[in-house]
Amino acid sequence: MASFSGTVRHNDLEGGFFELHTNDGDSYRLQGASGLTAGAKVVVHGTIESGGFGLQMSGPAIKVDKVEPA
């Protein structure tokens, strides 16, 4: 399991979903996370899903195990 630090953003595409925009400039869909708020600074613990793009076509996803405030 890896950790990713960044800011949560809401993407309105395909009904809406949350993304993590990391401090390193990467962007990931957040899969399986709940209770998120756009603009929150967080540390996400999880694994990058291999297998390409999902329906949202926004890039790789992190399968979230835990989210904590940064």
PDB file of N, CA and C in Angstrom:
ATOM      1  N   MET A   1       0.851  -1.176   0.000  1.00  0.00           N
ATOM      2  CA  MET A   1       0.000   0.000   0.000  1.00  0.00           C
ATOM      3  C   MET A   1       0.893   1.234   0.000  1.00  0.00           C
ATOM      4  N   ALA A   2       0.508   2.195  -0.819  1.00  0.00           N
ATOM      5  CA  ALA A   2       1.266   3.443  -0.938  1.00  0.00           C
ATOM      6  C   ALA A   2       0.453   4.596  -0.351  1.00  0.00           C
ATOM      7  N   SER A   3       1.124   5.723  -0.147  1.00  0.00           N
ATOM      8  CA  SER A   3       0.473   6.930   0.355  1.00  0.00           C
ATOM      9  C   SER A   3       0.634   8.047  -0.669  1.00  0.00           C
ATOM     10  N   PHE A   4      -0.433   8.831  -0.831  1.00  0.00           N
ATOM     11  CA  PHE A   4      -0.458   9.931  -1.784  1.00  0.00           C
ATOM     12  C   PHE A   4      -1.003  11.167  -1.078  1.00  0.00           C
ATOM     13  N   SER A   5      -0.276  12.280  -1.132  1.00  0.00           N
ATOM     14  CA  SER A   5      -0.713  13.528  -0.493  1.00  0.00           C
ATOM     15  C   SER A   5      -1.168  14.503  -1.553  1.00  0.00           C
ATOM     16  N   GLY A   6      -2.258  15.216  -1.261  1.00  0.00           N
ATOM     17  CA  GLY A   6      -2.729  16.206  -2.214  1.00  0.00           C
ATOM     18  C   GLY A   6      -4.061  16.806  -1.823  1.00  0.00           C
ATOM     19  N   THR A   7      -4.741  17.350  -2.831  1.00  0.00           N
ATOM     20  CA  THR A   7      -6.001  18.047  -2.642  1.00  0.00           C
ATOM     21  C   THR A   7      -7.116  17.298  -3.370  1.00  0.00           C
ATOM     22  N   VAL A   8      -8.243  17.130  -2.696  1.00  0.00           N
ATOM     23  CA  VAL A   8      -9.407  16.482  -3.290  1.00  0.00           C
ATOM     24  C   VAL A   8     -10.132  17.489  -4.176  1.00  0.00           C
ATOM     25  N   ARG A   9     -10.502  17.048  -5.370  1.00  0.00           N
ATOM     26  CA  ARG A   9     -11.302  17.882  -6.275  1.00  0.00           C
ATOM     27  C   ARG A   9     -12.471  17.052  -6.785  1.00  0.00           C
ATOM     28  N   HIS A  10     -13.589  17.714  -7.024  1.00  0.00           N
ATOM     29  CA  HIS A  10     -14.756  17.035  -7.587  1.00  0.00           C
ATOM     30  C   HIS A  10     -14.777  17.272  -9.085  1.00  0.00           C
ATOM     31  N   ASN A  11     -14.955  16.199  -9.847  1.00  0.00           N
ATOM     32  CA  ASN A  11     -15.042  16.265 -11.295  1.00  0.00           C
ATOM     33  C   ASN A  11     -16.484  15.950 -11.673  1.00  0.00           C
ATOM     34  N   ASP A  12     -17.155  16.810 -12.435  1.00  0.00           N
ATOM     35  CA  ASP A  12     -18.562  16.639 -12.788  1.00  0.00           C
ATOM     36  C   ASP A  12     -18.802  15.666 -13.935  1.00  0.00           C
ATOM     37  N   LEU A  13     -17.760  15.185 -14.570  1.00  0.00           N
ATOM     38  CA  LEU A  13     -17.878  14.279 -15.702  1.00  0.00           C
ATOM     39  C   LEU A  13     -18.606  13.001 -15.313  1.00  0.00           C
ATOM     40  N   GLU A  14     -19.470  12.514 -16.190  1.00  0.00           N
ATOM     41  CA  GLU A  14     -20.156  11.221 -16.007  1.00  0.00           C
ATOM     42  C   GLU A  14     -20.853  11.090 -14.656  1.00  0.00           C
ATOM     43  N   GLY A  15     -21.535  12.118 -14.213  1.00  0.00           N
ATOM     44  CA  GLY A  15     -22.290  12.040 -12.968  1.00  0.00           C
ATOM     45  C   GLY A  15     -21.510  12.472 -11.745  1.00  0.00           C
ATOM     46  N   GLY A  16     -20.228  12.695 -11.891  1.00  0.00           N
ATOM     47  CA  GLY A  16     -19.411  13.216 -10.800  1.00  0.00           C
ATOM     48  C   GLY A  16     -18.609  12.158 -10.059  1.00  0.00           C
ATOM     49  N   PHE A  17     -17.400  12.516  -9.704  1.00  0.00           N
ATOM     50  CA  PHE A  17     -16.523  11.655  -8.919  1.00  0.00           C
ATOM     51  C   PHE A  17     -15.425  12.524  -8.323  1.00  0.00           C
ATOM     52  N   PHE A  18     -14.720  11.979  -7.343  1.00  0.00           N
ATOM     53  CA  PHE A  18     -13.630  12.713  -6.705  1.00  0.00           C
ATOM     54  C   PHE A  18     -12.289  12.279  -7.266  1.00  0.00           C
ATOM     55  N   GLU A  19     -11.382  13.250  -7.348  1.00  0.00           N
ATOM     56  CA  GLU A  19     -10.013  13.011  -7.788  1.00  0.00           C
ATOM     57  C   GLU A  19      -9.063  13.533  -6.722  1.00  0.00           C
ATOM     58  N   LEU A  20      -7.867  12.972  -6.705  1.00  0.00           N
ATOM     59  CA  LEU A  20      -6.794  13.498  -5.874  1.00  0.00           C
ATOM     60  C   LEU A  20      -5.780  14.139  -6.808  1.00  0.00           C
ATOM     61  N   HIS A  21      -5.505  15.418  -6.584  1.00  0.00           N
ATOM     62  CA  HIS A  21      -4.447  16.118  -7.307  1.00  0.00           C
ATOM     63  C   HIS A  21      -3.270  16.198  -6.348  1.00  0.00           C
ATOM     64  N   THR A  22      -2.229  15.410  -6.644  1.00  0.00           N
ATOM     65  CA  THR A  22      -1.124  15.245  -5.706  1.00  0.00           C
ATOM     66  C   THR A  22      -0.202  16.454  -5.686  1.00  0.00           C
ATOM     67  N   ASN A  23       0.588  16.514  -4.634  1.00  0.00           N
ATOM     68  CA  ASN A  23       1.591  17.567  -4.497  1.00  0.00           C
ATOM     69  C   ASN A  23       2.676  17.450  -5.571  1.00  0.00           C
ATOM     70  N   ASP A  24       2.776  16.275  -6.204  1.00  0.00           N
ATOM     71  CA  ASP A  24       3.763  16.043  -7.262  1.00  0.00           C
ATOM     72  C   ASP A  24       3.218  16.363  -8.653  1.00  0.00           C
ATOM     73  N   GLY A  25       1.941  16.778  -8.731  1.00  0.00           N
ATOM     74  CA  GLY A  25       1.353  17.156 -10.003  1.00  0.00           C
ATOM     75  C   GLY A  25       0.588  16.059 -10.718  1.00  0.00           C
ATOM     76  N   ASP A  26       0.425  14.901 -10.087  1.00  0.00           N
ATOM     77  CA  ASP A  26      -0.336  13.810 -10.694  1.00  0.00           C
ATOM     78  C   ASP A  26      -1.809  13.916 -10.300  1.00  0.00           C
ATOM     79  N   SER A  27      -2.657  13.227 -11.058  1.00  0.00           N
ATOM     80  CA  SER A  27      -4.093  13.234 -10.787  1.00  0.00           C
ATOM     81  C   SER A  27      -4.611  11.803 -10.824  1.00  0.00           C
ATOM     82  N   TYR A  28      -5.407  11.423  -9.814  1.00  0.00           N
ATOM     83  CA  TYR A  28      -5.949  10.072  -9.706  1.00  0.00           C
ATOM     84  C   TYR A  28      -7.424  10.125  -9.349  1.00  0.00           C
ATOM     85  N   ARG A  29      -8.221   9.234  -9.946  1.00  0.00           N
ATOM     86  CA  ARG A  29      -9.597   9.034  -9.490  1.00  0.00           C
ATOM     87  C   ARG A  29      -9.525   8.319  -8.150  1.00  0.00           C
ATOM     88  N   LEU A  30     -10.432   8.650  -7.249  1.00  0.00           N
ATOM     89  CA  LEU A  30     -10.466   7.998  -5.944  1.00  0.00           C
ATOM     90  C   LEU A  30     -11.599   6.985  -5.934  1.00  0.00           C
ATOM     91  N   GLN A  31     -11.235   5.725  -5.914  1.00  0.00           N
ATOM     92  CA  GLN A  31     -12.194   4.633  -5.999  1.00  0.00           C
ATOM     93  C   GLN A  31     -12.417   4.043  -4.610  1.00  0.00           C
ATOM     94  N   GLY A  32     -13.664   4.078  -4.160  1.00  0.00           N
ATOM     95  CA  GLY A  32     -14.005   3.464  -2.883  1.00  0.00           C
ATOM     96  C   GLY A  32     -13.866   4.373  -1.687  1.00  0.00           C
ATOM     97  N   ALA A  33     -13.690   5.663  -1.908  1.00  0.00           N
ATOM     98  CA  ALA A  33     -13.579   6.608  -0.793  1.00  0.00           C
ATOM     99  C   ALA A  33     -14.946   7.198  -0.498  1.00  0.00           C
ATOM    100  N   SER A  34     -15.200   7.504   0.772  1.00  0.00           N
ATOM    101  CA  SER A  34     -16.457   8.139   1.148  1.00  0.00           C
ATOM    102  C   SER A  34     -16.171   9.295   2.092  1.00  0.00           C
ATOM    103  N   GLY A  35     -17.130  10.199   2.195  1.00  0.00           N
ATOM    104  CA  GLY A  35     -17.010  11.325   3.113  1.00  0.00           C
ATOM    105  C   GLY A  35     -16.007  12.375   2.678  1.00  0.00           C
ATOM    106  N   LEU A  36     -15.717  12.457   1.392  1.00  0.00           N
ATOM    107  CA  LEU A  36     -14.737  13.427   0.907  1.00  0.00           C
ATOM    108  C   LEU A  36     -15.380  14.789   0.667  1.00  0.00           C
ATOM    109  N   THR A  37     -14.575  15.830   0.779  1.00  0.00           N
ATOM    110  CA  THR A  37     -15.005  17.194   0.520  1.00  0.00           C
ATOM    111  C   THR A  37     -14.019  17.829  -0.447  1.00  0.00           C
ATOM    112  N   ALA A  38     -14.551  18.420  -1.511  1.00  0.00           N
ATOM    113  CA  ALA A  38     -13.687  19.099  -2.476  1.00  0.00           C
ATOM    114  C   ALA A  38     -12.896  20.194  -1.771  1.00  0.00           C
ATOM    115  N   GLY A  39     -11.617  20.275  -2.075  1.00  0.00           N
ATOM    116  CA  GLY A  39     -10.729  21.270  -1.485  1.00  0.00           C
ATOM    117  C   GLY A  39      -9.978  20.783  -0.260  1.00  0.00           C
ATOM    118  N   ALA A  40     -10.347  19.616   0.254  1.00  0.00           N
ATOM    119  CA  ALA A  40      -9.678  19.075   1.442  1.00  0.00           C
ATOM    120  C   ALA A  40      -8.258  18.637   1.110  1.00  0.00           C
ATOM    121  N   LYS A  41      -7.329  18.938   2.002  1.00  0.00           N
ATOM    122  CA  LYS A  41      -5.943  18.460   1.897  1.00  0.00           C
ATOM    123  C   LYS A  41      -5.892  17.136   2.655  1.00  0.00           C
ATOM    124  N   VAL A  42      -5.495  16.069   1.965  1.00  0.00           N
ATOM    125  CA  VAL A  42      -5.555  14.732   2.551  1.00  0.00           C
ATOM    126  C   VAL A  42      -4.318  13.907   2.217  1.00  0.00           C
ATOM    127  N   VAL A  43      -4.198  12.808   2.951  1.00  0.00           N
ATOM    128  CA  VAL A  43      -3.254  11.741   2.622  1.00  0.00           C
ATOM    129  C   VAL A  43      -4.114  10.510   2.353  1.00  0.00           C
ATOM    130  N   VAL A  44      -3.976   9.950   1.160  1.00  0.00           N
ATOM    131  CA  VAL A  44      -4.734   8.773   0.761  1.00  0.00           C
ATOM    132  C   VAL A  44      -3.809   7.570   0.797  1.00  0.00           C
ATOM    133  N   HIS A  45      -4.254   6.515   1.458  1.00  0.00           N
ATOM    134  CA  HIS A  45      -3.516   5.253   1.507  1.00  0.00           C
ATOM    135  C   HIS A  45      -4.270   4.257   0.633  1.00  0.00           C
ATOM    136  N   GLY A  46      -3.562   3.643  -0.311  1.00  0.00           N
ATOM    137  CA  GLY A  46      -4.200   2.685  -1.194  1.00  0.00           C
ATOM    138  C   GLY A  46      -3.253   2.202  -2.259  1.00  0.00           C
ATOM    139  N   THR A  47      -3.821   1.563  -3.266  1.00  0.00           N
ATOM    140  CA  THR A  47      -3.020   1.016  -4.357  1.00  0.00           C
ATOM    141  C   THR A  47      -3.543   1.550  -5.688  1.00  0.00           C
ATOM    142  N   ILE A  48      -2.624   1.775  -6.619  1.00  0.00           N
ATOM    143  CA  ILE A  48      -3.014   2.223  -7.945  1.00  0.00           C
ATOM    144  C   ILE A  48      -3.580   1.031  -8.698  1.00  0.00           C
ATOM    145  N   GLU A  49      -4.770   1.221  -9.236  1.00  0.00           N
ATOM    146  CA  GLU A  49      -5.437   0.174 -10.002  1.00  0.00           C
ATOM    147  C   GLU A  49      -4.769   0.064 -11.370  1.00  0.00           C
ATOM    148  N   SER A  50      -4.335  -1.117 -11.709  1.00  0.00           N
ATOM    149  CA  SER A  50      -3.817  -1.322 -13.060  1.00  0.00           C
ATOM    150  C   SER A  50      -4.989  -1.730 -13.929  1.00  0.00           C
ATOM    151  N   GLY A  51      -4.927  -1.408 -15.179  1.00  0.00           N
ATOM    152  CA  GLY A  51      -6.025  -1.769 -16.066  1.00  0.00           C
ATOM    153  C   GLY A  51      -6.561  -0.582 -16.828  1.00  0.00           C
ATOM    154  N   GLY A  52      -5.879   0.537 -16.738  1.00  0.00           N
ATOM    155  CA  GLY A  52      -6.225   1.655 -17.595  1.00  0.00           C
ATOM    156  C   GLY A  52      -7.333   2.529 -17.070  1.00  0.00           C
ATOM    157  N   PHE A  53      -8.098   3.082 -18.014  1.00  0.00           N
ATOM    158  CA  PHE A  53      -9.087   4.093 -17.714  1.00  0.00           C
ATOM    159  C   PHE A  53     -10.432   3.460 -17.400  1.00  0.00           C
ATOM    160  N   GLY A  54     -11.181   4.113 -16.517  1.00  0.00           N
ATOM    161  CA  GLY A  54     -12.540   3.700 -16.228  1.00  0.00           C
ATOM    162  C   GLY A  54     -13.517   4.468 -17.091  1.00  0.00           C
ATOM    163  N   LEU A  55     -14.772   4.429 -16.740  1.00  0.00           N
ATOM    164  CA  LEU A  55     -15.797   5.148 -17.493  1.00  0.00           C
ATOM    165  C   LEU A  55     -15.533   6.642 -17.526  1.00  0.00           C
ATOM    166  N   GLN A  56     -14.947   7.175 -16.460  1.00  0.00           N
ATOM    167  CA  GLN A  56     -14.718   8.612 -16.388  1.00  0.00           C
ATOM    168  C   GLN A  56     -13.581   9.075 -17.295  1.00  0.00           C
ATOM    169  N   MET A  57     -12.725   8.182 -17.759  1.00  0.00           N
ATOM    170  CA  MET A  57     -11.627   8.514 -18.666  1.00  0.00           C
ATOM    171  C   MET A  57     -10.757   9.646 -18.133  1.00  0.00           C
ATOM    172  N   SER A  58     -10.526   9.673 -16.837  1.00  0.00           N
ATOM    173  CA  SER A  58      -9.751  10.777 -16.264  1.00  0.00           C
ATOM    174  C   SER A  58      -8.350  10.360 -15.853  1.00  0.00           C
ATOM    175  N   GLY A  59      -7.995   9.123 -16.052  1.00  0.00           N
ATOM    176  CA  GLY A  59      -6.665   8.678 -15.676  1.00  0.00           C
ATOM    177  C   GLY A  59      -6.719   7.512 -14.715  1.00  0.00           C
ATOM    178  N   PRO A  60      -5.585   7.150 -14.141  1.00  0.00           N
ATOM    179  CA  PRO A  60      -5.539   5.996 -13.240  1.00  0.00           C
ATOM    180  C   PRO A  60      -6.334   6.251 -11.966  1.00  0.00           C
ATOM    181  N   ALA A  61      -6.687   5.161 -11.312  1.00  0.00           N
ATOM    182  CA  ALA A  61      -7.453   5.250 -10.069  1.00  0.00           C
ATOM    183  C   ALA A  61      -6.636   4.713  -8.909  1.00  0.00           C
ATOM    184  N   ILE A  62      -6.902   5.258  -7.734  1.00  0.00           N
ATOM    185  CA  ILE A  62      -6.371   4.699  -6.494  1.00  0.00           C
ATOM    186  C   ILE A  62      -7.506   3.962  -5.810  1.00  0.00           C
ATOM    187  N   LYS A  63      -7.305   2.678  -5.539  1.00  0.00           N
ATOM    188  CA  LYS A  63      -8.262   1.925  -4.729  1.00  0.00           C
ATOM    189  C   LYS A  63      -7.961   2.314  -3.285  1.00  0.00           C
ATOM    190  N   VAL A  64      -8.859   3.070  -2.703  1.00  0.00           N
ATOM    191  CA  VAL A  64      -8.615   3.709  -1.399  1.00  0.00           C
ATOM    192  C   VAL A  64      -8.852   2.733  -0.256  1.00  0.00           C
ATOM    193  N   ASP A  65      -7.856   2.652   0.630  1.00  0.00           N
ATOM    194  CA  ASP A  65      -7.999   1.885   1.868  1.00  0.00           C
ATOM    195  C   ASP A  65      -8.317   2.831   3.041  1.00  0.00           C
ATOM    196  N   LYS A  66      -7.712   4.013   3.033  1.00  0.00           N
ATOM    197  CA  LYS A  66      -7.899   4.952   4.138  1.00  0.00           C
ATOM    198  C   LYS A  66      -7.577   6.371   3.674  1.00  0.00           C
ATOM    199  N   VAL A  67      -8.333   7.342   4.187  1.00  0.00           N
ATOM    200  CA  VAL A  67      -8.080   8.751   3.909  1.00  0.00           C
ATOM    201  C   VAL A  67      -7.956   9.458   5.255  1.00  0.00           C
ATOM    202  N   GLU A  68      -6.922  10.290   5.404  1.00  0.00           N
ATOM    203  CA  GLU A  68      -6.758  11.061   6.628  1.00  0.00           C
ATOM    204  C   GLU A  68      -6.391  12.498   6.290  1.00  0.00           C
ATOM    205  N   PRO A  69      -6.710  13.432   7.166  1.00  0.00           N
ATOM    206  CA  PRO A  69      -6.356  14.833   6.914  1.00  0.00           C
ATOM    207  C   PRO A  69      -4.851  15.010   6.819  1.00  0.00           C
ATOM    208  N   ALA A  70      -4.430  15.932   5.963  1.00  0.00           N
ATOM    209  CA  ALA A  70      -2.982  16.202   5.816  1.00  0.00           C
ATOM    210  C   ALA A  70      -2.541  17.202   6.862  1.00  0.00           C
TER     211      ALA A  70
END
